[in-house]
Amino acid sequence: GVGGAAAGEVASATAAYVVAATALARFGDDPAEVLVRAVE
């Protein structure tokens, strides 16, 4: 996370959660497509 008082920990935790959860939910799908959608 970047931002210090601007809550870098919220940005990093949210991004890590969404990407991990999306990958778990879509296991077996094309991993490149999974990553692109997860990061979006």
PDB file of all heavy atoms in Angstrom:
ATOM      1  N   GLY A   1       0.803  -1.212   0.000  1.00  0.00           N
ATOM      2  CA  GLY A   1       0.000   0.000   0.000  1.00  0.00           C
ATOM      3  C   GLY A   1       0.832   1.256   0.000  1.00  0.00           C
ATOM      4  O   GLY A   1       1.903   1.316   0.598  1.00  0.00           O
ATOM      5  N   VAL A   2       0.323   2.266  -0.694  1.00  0.00           N
ATOM      6  CA  VAL A   2       0.979   3.564  -0.814  1.00  0.00           C
ATOM      7  C   VAL A   2       0.028   4.611  -0.258  1.00  0.00           C
ATOM      8  O   VAL A   2      -1.175   4.550  -0.497  1.00  0.00           O
ATOM      9  CB  VAL A   2       1.307   3.883  -2.285  1.00  0.00           C
ATOM     10  CG1 VAL A   2       1.986   5.240  -2.403  1.00  0.00           C
ATOM     11  CG2 VAL A   2       2.180   2.791  -2.887  1.00  0.00           C
ATOM     12  N   GLY A   3       0.560   5.553   0.481  1.00  0.00           N
ATOM     13  CA  GLY A   3      -0.294   6.657   0.903  1.00  0.00           C
ATOM     14  C   GLY A   3      -0.216   6.997   2.371  1.00  0.00           C
ATOM     15  O   GLY A   3      -0.719   8.034   2.777  1.00  0.00           O
ATOM     16  N   GLY A   4       0.390   6.139   3.192  1.00  0.00           N
ATOM     17  CA  GLY A   4       0.540   6.462   4.606  1.00  0.00           C
ATOM     18  C   GLY A   4      -0.797   6.757   5.259  1.00  0.00           C
ATOM     19  O   GLY A   4      -1.664   5.893   5.351  1.00  0.00           O
ATOM     20  N   ALA A   5      -0.987   8.018   5.667  1.00  0.00           N
ATOM     21  CA  ALA A   5      -2.234   8.411   6.325  1.00  0.00           C
ATOM     22  C   ALA A   5      -3.434   8.268   5.402  1.00  0.00           C
ATOM     23  O   ALA A   5      -4.576   8.235   5.844  1.00  0.00           O
ATOM     24  CB  ALA A   5      -2.123   9.852   6.816  1.00  0.00           C
ATOM     25  N   ALA A   6      -3.173   8.180   4.099  1.00  0.00           N
ATOM     26  CA  ALA A   6      -4.254   8.008   3.135  1.00  0.00           C
ATOM     27  C   ALA A   6      -4.623   6.545   2.959  1.00  0.00           C
ATOM     28  O   ALA A   6      -5.177   6.145   1.951  1.00  0.00           O
ATOM     29  CB  ALA A   6      -3.856   8.616   1.794  1.00  0.00           C
ATOM     30  N   ALA A   7      -4.304   5.722   3.957  1.00  0.00           N
ATOM     31  CA  ALA A   7      -4.814   4.350   4.053  1.00  0.00           C
ATOM     32  C   ALA A   7      -4.286   3.420   2.980  1.00  0.00           C
ATOM     33  O   ALA A   7      -5.051   2.751   2.299  1.00  0.00           O
ATOM     34  CB  ALA A   7      -6.344   4.360   4.074  1.00  0.00           C
ATOM     35  N   GLY A   8      -2.966   3.350   2.864  1.00  0.00           N
ATOM     36  CA  GLY A   8      -2.373   2.371   1.962  1.00  0.00           C
ATOM     37  C   GLY A   8      -2.741   0.954   2.326  1.00  0.00           C
ATOM     38  O   GLY A   8      -2.851   0.090   1.459  1.00  0.00           O
ATOM     39  N   GLU A   9      -2.962   0.711   3.635  1.00  0.00           N
ATOM     40  CA  GLU A   9      -3.329  -0.647   4.040  1.00  0.00           C
ATOM     41  C   GLU A   9      -4.711  -1.037   3.523  1.00  0.00           C
ATOM     42  O   GLU A   9      -4.966  -2.219   3.248  1.00  0.00           O
ATOM     43  CB  GLU A   9      -3.271  -0.800   5.563  1.00  0.00           C
ATOM     44  CG  GLU A   9      -4.278   0.010   6.343  1.00  0.00           C
ATOM     45  CD  GLU A   9      -3.790   1.390   6.698  1.00  0.00           C
ATOM     46  OE1 GLU A   9      -2.869   1.902   6.025  1.00  0.00           O
ATOM     47  OE2 GLU A   9      -4.347   1.971   7.652  1.00  0.00           O
ATOM     48  N   VAL A  10      -5.605  -0.073   3.343  1.00  0.00           N
ATOM     49  CA  VAL A  10      -6.926  -0.373   2.780  1.00  0.00           C
ATOM     50  C   VAL A  10      -6.790  -0.726   1.303  1.00  0.00           C
ATOM     51  O   VAL A  10      -7.408  -1.678   0.815  1.00  0.00           O
ATOM     52  CB  VAL A  10      -7.888   0.817   2.976  1.00  0.00           C
ATOM     53  CG1 VAL A  10      -9.214   0.568   2.263  1.00  0.00           C
ATOM     54  CG2 VAL A  10      -8.123   1.075   4.460  1.00  0.00           C
ATOM     55  N   ALA A  11      -5.978   0.037   0.587  1.00  0.00           N
ATOM     56  CA  ALA A  11      -5.765  -0.244  -0.832  1.00  0.00           C
ATOM     57  C   ALA A  11      -5.142  -1.622  -1.036  1.00  0.00           C
ATOM     58  O   ALA A  11      -5.596  -2.404  -1.878  1.00  0.00           O
ATOM     59  CB  ALA A  11      -4.887   0.832  -1.454  1.00  0.00           C
ATOM     60  N   SER A  12      -4.105  -1.934  -0.263  1.00  0.00           N
ATOM     61  CA  SER A  12      -3.416  -3.213  -0.470  1.00  0.00           C
ATOM     62  C   SER A  12      -4.289  -4.387  -0.064  1.00  0.00           C
ATOM     63  O   SER A  12      -4.364  -5.402  -0.780  1.00  0.00           O
ATOM     64  CB  SER A  12      -2.089  -3.250   0.298  1.00  0.00           C
ATOM     65  OG  SER A  12      -2.281  -3.339   1.698  1.00  0.00           O
ATOM     66  N   ALA A  13      -4.990  -4.275   1.072  1.00  0.00           N
ATOM     67  CA  ALA A  13      -5.832  -5.377   1.530  1.00  0.00           C
ATOM     68  C   ALA A  13      -6.999  -5.606   0.577  1.00  0.00           C
ATOM     69  O   ALA A  13      -7.358  -6.756   0.267  1.00  0.00           O
ATOM     70  CB  ALA A  13      -6.349  -5.091   2.941  1.00  0.00           C
ATOM     71  N   THR A  14      -7.588  -4.530   0.091  1.00  0.00           N
ATOM     72  CA  THR A  14      -8.712  -4.661  -0.834  1.00  0.00           C
ATOM     73  C   THR A  14      -8.263  -5.301  -2.142  1.00  0.00           C
ATOM     74  O   THR A  14      -8.913  -6.218  -2.659  1.00  0.00           O
ATOM     75  CB  THR A  14      -9.345  -3.287  -1.093  1.00  0.00           C
ATOM     76  OG1 THR A  14      -9.835  -2.756   0.138  1.00  0.00           O
ATOM     77  CG2 THR A  14     -10.477  -3.381  -2.090  1.00  0.00           C
ATOM     78  N   ALA A  15      -7.142  -4.838  -2.682  1.00  0.00           N
ATOM     79  CA  ALA A  15      -6.654  -5.407  -3.937  1.00  0.00           C
ATOM     80  C   ALA A  15      -6.276  -6.874  -3.775  1.00  0.00           C
ATOM     81  O   ALA A  15      -6.626  -7.719  -4.614  1.00  0.00           O
ATOM     82  CB  ALA A  15      -5.453  -4.607  -4.436  1.00  0.00           C
ATOM     83  N   ALA A  16      -5.560  -7.194  -2.703  1.00  0.00           N
ATOM     84  CA  ALA A  16      -5.157  -8.589  -2.489  1.00  0.00           C
ATOM     85  C   ALA A  16      -6.373  -9.487  -2.302  1.00  0.00           C
ATOM     86  O   ALA A  16      -6.428 -10.606  -2.835  1.00  0.00           O
ATOM     87  CB  ALA A  16      -4.235  -8.684  -1.275  1.00  0.00           C
ATOM     88  N   TYR A  17      -7.356  -8.994  -1.554  1.00  0.00           N
ATOM     89  CA  TYR A  17      -8.567  -9.787  -1.356  1.00  0.00           C
ATOM     90  C   TYR A  17      -9.302 -10.045  -2.656  1.00  0.00           C
ATOM     91  O   TYR A  17      -9.655 -11.191  -2.979  1.00  0.00           O
ATOM     92  CB  TYR A  17      -9.526  -9.100  -0.368  1.00  0.00           C
ATOM     93  CG  TYR A  17     -10.913  -9.662  -0.507  1.00  0.00           C
ATOM     94  CD1 TYR A  17     -11.180 -10.971  -0.112  1.00  0.00           C
ATOM     95  CD2 TYR A  17     -11.917  -8.932  -1.120  1.00  0.00           C
ATOM     96  CE1 TYR A  17     -12.431 -11.524  -0.304  1.00  0.00           C
ATOM     97  CE2 TYR A  17     -13.163  -9.471  -1.312  1.00  0.00           C
ATOM     98  CZ  TYR A  17     -13.422 -10.779  -0.906  1.00  0.00           C
ATOM     99  OH  TYR A  17     -14.650 -11.323  -1.116  1.00  0.00           O
ATOM    100  N   VAL A  18      -9.544  -9.006  -3.434  1.00  0.00           N
ATOM    101  CA  VAL A  18     -10.335  -9.159  -4.661  1.00  0.00           C
ATOM    102  C   VAL A  18      -9.631 -10.098  -5.637  1.00  0.00           C
ATOM    103  O   VAL A  18     -10.264 -10.978  -6.244  1.00  0.00           O
ATOM    104  CB  VAL A  18     -10.601  -7.787  -5.303  1.00  0.00           C
ATOM    105  CG1 VAL A  18     -11.262  -7.965  -6.675  1.00  0.00           C
ATOM    106  CG2 VAL A  18     -11.487  -6.938  -4.402  1.00  0.00           C
ATOM    107  N   VAL A  19      -8.323  -9.948  -5.800  1.00  0.00           N
ATOM    108  CA  VAL A  19      -7.600 -10.807  -6.738  1.00  0.00           C
ATOM    109  C   VAL A  19      -7.611 -12.254  -6.260  1.00  0.00           C
ATOM    110  O   VAL A  19      -7.879 -13.182  -7.039  1.00  0.00           O
ATOM    111  CB  VAL A  19      -6.157 -10.300  -6.933  1.00  0.00           C
ATOM    112  CG1 VAL A  19      -5.326 -11.311  -7.717  1.00  0.00           C
ATOM    113  CG2 VAL A  19      -6.174  -8.955  -7.655  1.00  0.00           C
ATOM    114  N   ALA A  20      -7.334 -12.485  -4.980  1.00  0.00           N
ATOM    115  CA  ALA A  20      -7.313 -13.854  -4.464  1.00  0.00           C
ATOM    116  C   ALA A  20      -8.695 -14.496  -4.539  1.00  0.00           C
ATOM    117  O   ALA A  20      -8.842 -15.652  -4.968  1.00  0.00           O
ATOM    118  CB  ALA A  20      -6.797 -13.867  -3.032  1.00  0.00           C
ATOM    119  N   ALA A  21      -9.723 -13.752  -4.143  1.00  0.00           N
ATOM    120  CA  ALA A  21     -11.076 -14.304  -4.143  1.00  0.00           C
ATOM    121  C   ALA A  21     -11.539 -14.622  -5.561  1.00  0.00           C
ATOM    122  O   ALA A  21     -12.182 -15.651  -5.804  1.00  0.00           O
ATOM    123  CB  ALA A  21     -12.039 -13.324  -3.479  1.00  0.00           C
ATOM    124  N   THR A  22     -11.219 -13.745  -6.505  1.00  0.00           N
ATOM    125  CA  THR A  22     -11.600 -13.986  -7.896  1.00  0.00           C
ATOM    126  C   THR A  22     -10.901 -15.221  -8.439  1.00  0.00           C
ATOM    127  O   THR A  22     -11.518 -16.058  -9.118  1.00  0.00           O
ATOM    128  CB  THR A  22     -11.263 -12.763  -8.758  1.00  0.00           C
ATOM    129  OG1 THR A  22     -11.947 -11.621  -8.248  1.00  0.00           O
ATOM    130  CG2 THR A  22     -11.670 -12.988 -10.209  1.00  0.00           C
ATOM    131  N   ALA A  23      -9.616 -15.366  -8.155  1.00  0.00           N
ATOM    132  CA  ALA A  23      -8.876 -16.532  -8.638  1.00  0.00           C
ATOM    133  C   ALA A  23      -9.407 -17.824  -8.035  1.00  0.00           C
ATOM    134  O   ALA A  23      -9.511 -18.850  -8.719  1.00  0.00           O
ATOM    135  CB  ALA A  23      -7.388 -16.367  -8.321  1.00  0.00           C
ATOM    136  N   LEU A  24      -9.760 -17.789  -6.757  1.00  0.00           N
ATOM    137  CA  LEU A  24     -10.323 -18.980  -6.122  1.00  0.00           C
ATOM    138  C   LEU A  24     -11.675 -19.337  -6.720  1.00  0.00           C
ATOM    139  O   LEU A  24     -11.976 -20.510  -6.957  1.00  0.00           O
ATOM    140  CB  LEU A  24     -10.457 -18.749  -4.618  1.00  0.00           C
ATOM    141  CG  LEU A  24      -9.160 -18.689  -3.811  1.00  0.00           C
ATOM    142  CD1 LEU A  24      -9.459 -18.304  -2.373  1.00  0.00           C
ATOM    143  CD2 LEU A  24      -8.420 -20.014  -3.857  1.00  0.00           C
ATOM    144  N   ALA A  25     -12.492 -18.329  -6.979  1.00  0.00           N
ATOM    145  CA  ALA A  25     -13.834 -18.577  -7.501  1.00  0.00           C
ATOM    146  C   ALA A  25     -13.808 -19.061  -8.946  1.00  0.00           C
ATOM    147  O   ALA A  25     -14.724 -19.777  -9.380  1.00  0.00           O
ATOM    148  CB  ALA A  25     -14.671 -17.305  -7.400  1.00  0.00           C
ATOM    149  N   ARG A  26     -12.765 -18.690  -9.682  1.00  0.00           N
ATOM    150  CA  ARG A  26     -12.710 -19.025 -11.109  1.00  0.00           C
ATOM    151  C   ARG A  26     -11.596 -20.017 -11.423  1.00  0.00           C
ATOM    152  O   ARG A  26     -11.057 -20.034 -12.521  1.00  0.00           O
ATOM    153  CB  ARG A  26     -12.533 -17.755 -11.931  1.00  0.00           C
ATOM    154  CG  ARG A  26     -13.705 -16.793 -11.846  1.00  0.00           C
ATOM    155  CD  ARG A  26     -13.551 -15.630 -12.787  1.00  0.00           C
ATOM    156  NE  ARG A  26     -13.330 -16.057 -14.170  1.00  0.00           N
ATOM    157  CZ  ARG A  26     -13.097 -15.225 -15.193  1.00  0.00           C
ATOM    158  NH1 ARG A  26     -13.077 -13.914 -14.969  1.00  0.00           N
ATOM    159  NH2 ARG A  26     -12.891 -15.680 -16.418  1.00  0.00           N
ATOM    160  N   PHE A  27     -11.254 -20.850 -10.442  1.00  0.00           N
ATOM    161  CA  PHE A  27     -10.199 -21.841 -10.679  1.00  0.00           C
ATOM    162  C   PHE A  27     -10.546 -22.709 -11.886  1.00  0.00           C
ATOM    163  O   PHE A  27     -11.669 -23.193 -12.024  1.00  0.00           O
ATOM    164  CB  PHE A  27     -10.007 -22.736  -9.455  1.00  0.00           C
ATOM    165  CG  PHE A  27      -9.034 -23.855  -9.708  1.00  0.00           C
ATOM    166  CD1 PHE A  27      -7.684 -23.604  -9.807  1.00  0.00           C
ATOM    167  CD2 PHE A  27      -9.481 -25.160  -9.893  1.00  0.00           C
ATOM    168  CE1 PHE A  27      -6.781 -24.621 -10.067  1.00  0.00           C
ATOM    169  CE2 PHE A  27      -8.592 -26.189 -10.145  1.00  0.00           C
ATOM    170  CZ  PHE A  27      -7.238 -25.915 -10.236  1.00  0.00           C
ATOM    171  N   GLY A  28      -9.570 -22.913 -12.752  1.00  0.00           N
ATOM    172  CA  GLY A  28      -9.763 -23.701 -13.959  1.00  0.00           C
ATOM    173  C   GLY A  28      -9.977 -22.859 -15.195  1.00  0.00           C
ATOM    174  O   GLY A  28      -9.788 -23.333 -16.317  1.00  0.00           O
ATOM    175  N   ASP A  29     -10.385 -21.576 -15.016  1.00  0.00           N
ATOM    176  CA  ASP A  29     -10.504 -20.670 -16.155  1.00  0.00           C
ATOM    177  C   ASP A  29      -9.119 -20.213 -16.597  1.00  0.00           C
ATOM    178  O   ASP A  29      -8.127 -20.385 -15.892  1.00  0.00           O
ATOM    179  CB  ASP A  29     -11.346 -19.451 -15.776  1.00  0.00           C
ATOM    180  CG  ASP A  29     -12.806 -19.790 -15.554  1.00  0.00           C
ATOM    181  OD1 ASP A  29     -13.192 -20.950 -15.810  1.00  0.00           O
ATOM    182  OD2 ASP A  29     -13.562 -18.893 -15.116  1.00  0.00           O
ATOM    183  N   ASP A  30      -9.055 -19.601 -17.779  1.00  0.00           N
ATOM    184  CA  ASP A  30      -7.796 -19.079 -18.296  1.00  0.00           C
ATOM    185  C   ASP A  30      -7.184 -18.124 -17.263  1.00  0.00           C
ATOM    186  O   ASP A  30      -7.789 -17.101 -16.926  1.00  0.00           O
ATOM    187  CB  ASP A  30      -8.054 -18.330 -19.598  1.00  0.00           C
ATOM    188  CG  ASP A  30      -6.791 -17.794 -20.226  1.00  0.00           C
ATOM    189  OD1 ASP A  30      -6.084 -17.003 -19.569  1.00  0.00           O
ATOM    190  OD2 ASP A  30      -6.497 -18.154 -21.383  1.00  0.00           O
ATOM    191  N   PRO A  31      -5.989 -18.430 -16.738  1.00  0.00           N
ATOM    192  CA  PRO A  31      -5.434 -17.604 -15.648  1.00  0.00           C
ATOM    193  C   PRO A  31      -5.115 -16.180 -16.065  1.00  0.00           C
ATOM    194  O   PRO A  31      -5.182 -15.267 -15.234  1.00  0.00           O
ATOM    195  CB  PRO A  31      -4.183 -18.370 -15.215  1.00  0.00           C
ATOM    196  CG  PRO A  31      -3.852 -19.263 -16.365  1.00  0.00           C
ATOM    197  CD  PRO A  31      -5.141 -19.598 -17.034  1.00  0.00           C
ATOM    198  N   ALA A  32      -4.782 -15.955 -17.337  1.00  0.00           N
ATOM    199  CA  ALA A  32      -4.531 -14.587 -17.788  1.00  0.00           C
ATOM    200  C   ALA A  32      -5.813 -13.771 -17.754  1.00  0.00           C
ATOM    201  O   ALA A  32      -5.834 -12.623 -17.287  1.00  0.00           O
ATOM    202  CB  ALA A  32      -3.933 -14.601 -19.199  1.00  0.00           C
ATOM    203  N   GLU A  33      -6.905 -14.374 -18.236  1.00  0.00           N
ATOM    204  CA  GLU A  33      -8.194 -13.674 -18.200  1.00  0.00           C
ATOM    205  C   GLU A  33      -8.644 -13.450 -16.766  1.00  0.00           C
ATOM    206  O   GLU A  33      -9.213 -12.399 -16.438  1.00  0.00           O
ATOM    207  CB  GLU A  33      -9.244 -14.480 -18.959  1.00  0.00           C
ATOM    208  CG  GLU A  33      -8.985 -14.575 -20.460  1.00  0.00           C
ATOM    209  CD  GLU A  33     -10.056 -15.371 -21.173  1.00  0.00           C
ATOM    210  OE1 GLU A  33     -11.037 -15.786 -20.514  1.00  0.00           O
ATOM    211  OE2 GLU A  33      -9.922 -15.576 -22.393  1.00  0.00           O
ATOM    212  N   VAL A  34      -8.407 -14.418 -15.906  1.00  0.00           N
ATOM    213  CA  VAL A  34      -8.768 -14.277 -14.494  1.00  0.00           C
ATOM    214  C   VAL A  34      -8.036 -13.086 -13.875  1.00  0.00           C
ATOM    215  O   VAL A  34      -8.627 -12.264 -13.164  1.00  0.00           O
ATOM    216  CB  VAL A  34      -8.463 -15.569 -13.726  1.00  0.00           C
ATOM    217  CG1 VAL A  34      -8.578 -15.346 -12.215  1.00  0.00           C
ATOM    218  CG2 VAL A  34      -9.395 -16.690 -14.168  1.00  0.00           C
ATOM    219  N   LEU A  35      -6.738 -12.976 -14.156  1.00  0.00           N
ATOM    220  CA  LEU A  35      -5.952 -11.881 -13.581  1.00  0.00           C
ATOM    221  C   LEU A  35      -6.429 -10.521 -14.083  1.00  0.00           C
ATOM    222  O   LEU A  35      -6.568  -9.575 -13.300  1.00  0.00           O
ATOM    223  CB  LEU A  35      -4.472 -12.074 -13.912  1.00  0.00           C
ATOM    224  CG  LEU A  35      -3.659 -12.876 -12.908  1.00  0.00           C
ATOM    225  CD1 LEU A  35      -2.290 -13.200 -13.475  1.00  0.00           C
ATOM    226  CD2 LEU A  35      -3.520 -12.107 -11.602  1.00  0.00           C
ATOM    227  N   VAL A  36      -6.671 -10.428 -15.374  1.00  0.00           N
ATOM    228  CA  VAL A  36      -7.120  -9.147 -15.924  1.00  0.00           C
ATOM    229  C   VAL A  36      -8.441  -8.733 -15.285  1.00  0.00           C
ATOM    230  O   VAL A  36      -8.604  -7.593 -14.846  1.00  0.00           O
ATOM    231  CB  VAL A  36      -7.254  -9.229 -17.452  1.00  0.00           C
ATOM    232  CG1 VAL A  36      -7.949  -7.991 -18.003  1.00  0.00           C
ATOM    233  CG2 VAL A  36      -5.879  -9.383 -18.090  1.00  0.00           C
ATOM    234  N   ARG A  37      -9.396  -9.663 -15.223  1.00  0.00           N
ATOM    235  CA  ARG A  37     -10.697  -9.333 -14.626  1.00  0.00           C
ATOM    236  C   ARG A  37     -10.550  -9.028 -13.141  1.00  0.00           C
ATOM    237  O   ARG A  37     -11.176  -8.099 -12.611  1.00  0.00           O
ATOM    238  CB  ARG A  37     -11.661 -10.483 -14.830  1.00  0.00           C
ATOM    239  CG  ARG A  37     -13.027 -10.285 -14.168  1.00  0.00           C
ATOM    240  CD  ARG A  37     -13.714  -9.002 -14.650  1.00  0.00           C
ATOM    241  NE  ARG A  37     -14.961  -8.757 -13.954  1.00  0.00           N
ATOM    242  CZ  ARG A  37     -16.141  -9.260 -14.314  1.00  0.00           C
ATOM    243  NH1 ARG A  37     -16.216 -10.062 -15.379  1.00  0.00           N
ATOM    244  NH2 ARG A  37     -17.230  -8.978 -13.646  1.00  0.00           N
ATOM    245  N   ALA A  38      -9.732  -9.805 -12.450  1.00  0.00           N
ATOM    246  CA  ALA A  38      -9.559  -9.600 -11.011  1.00  0.00           C
ATOM    247  C   ALA A  38      -8.977  -8.232 -10.712  1.00  0.00           C
ATOM    248  O   ALA A  38      -9.415  -7.545  -9.767  1.00  0.00           O
ATOM    249  CB  ALA A  38      -8.672 -10.697 -10.428  1.00  0.00           C
ATOM    250  N   VAL A  39      -7.997  -7.813 -11.496  1.00  0.00           N
ATOM    251  CA  VAL A  39      -7.381  -6.505 -11.248  1.00  0.00           C
ATOM    252  C   VAL A  39      -8.339  -5.382 -11.631  1.00  0.00           C
ATOM    253  O   VAL A  39      -8.375  -4.342 -10.965  1.00  0.00           O
ATOM    254  CB  VAL A  39      -6.033  -6.404 -11.990  1.00  0.00           C
ATOM    255  CG1 VAL A  39      -5.475  -4.984 -11.906  1.00  0.00           C
ATOM    256  CG2 VAL A  39      -5.040  -7.385 -11.373  1.00  0.00           C
ATOM    257  N   GLU A  40      -9.128  -5.578 -12.669  1.00  0.00           N
ATOM    258  CA  GLU A  40     -10.160  -4.585 -12.989  1.00  0.00           C
ATOM    259  C   GLU A  40     -11.122  -4.424 -11.810  1.00  0.00           C
ATOM    260  O   GLU A  40     -11.479  -3.305 -11.428  1.00  0.00           O
ATOM    261  CB  GLU A  40     -10.930  -5.008 -14.237  1.00  0.00           C
ATOM    262  CG  GLU A  40     -10.137  -4.879 -15.534  1.00  0.00           C
ATOM    263  CD  GLU A  40     -10.907  -5.427 -16.722  1.00  0.00           C
ATOM    264  OE1 GLU A  40     -11.959  -6.074 -16.516  1.00  0.00           O
ATOM    265  OE2 GLU A  40     -10.450  -5.210 -17.867  1.00  0.00           O
TER     266      GLU A  40
END
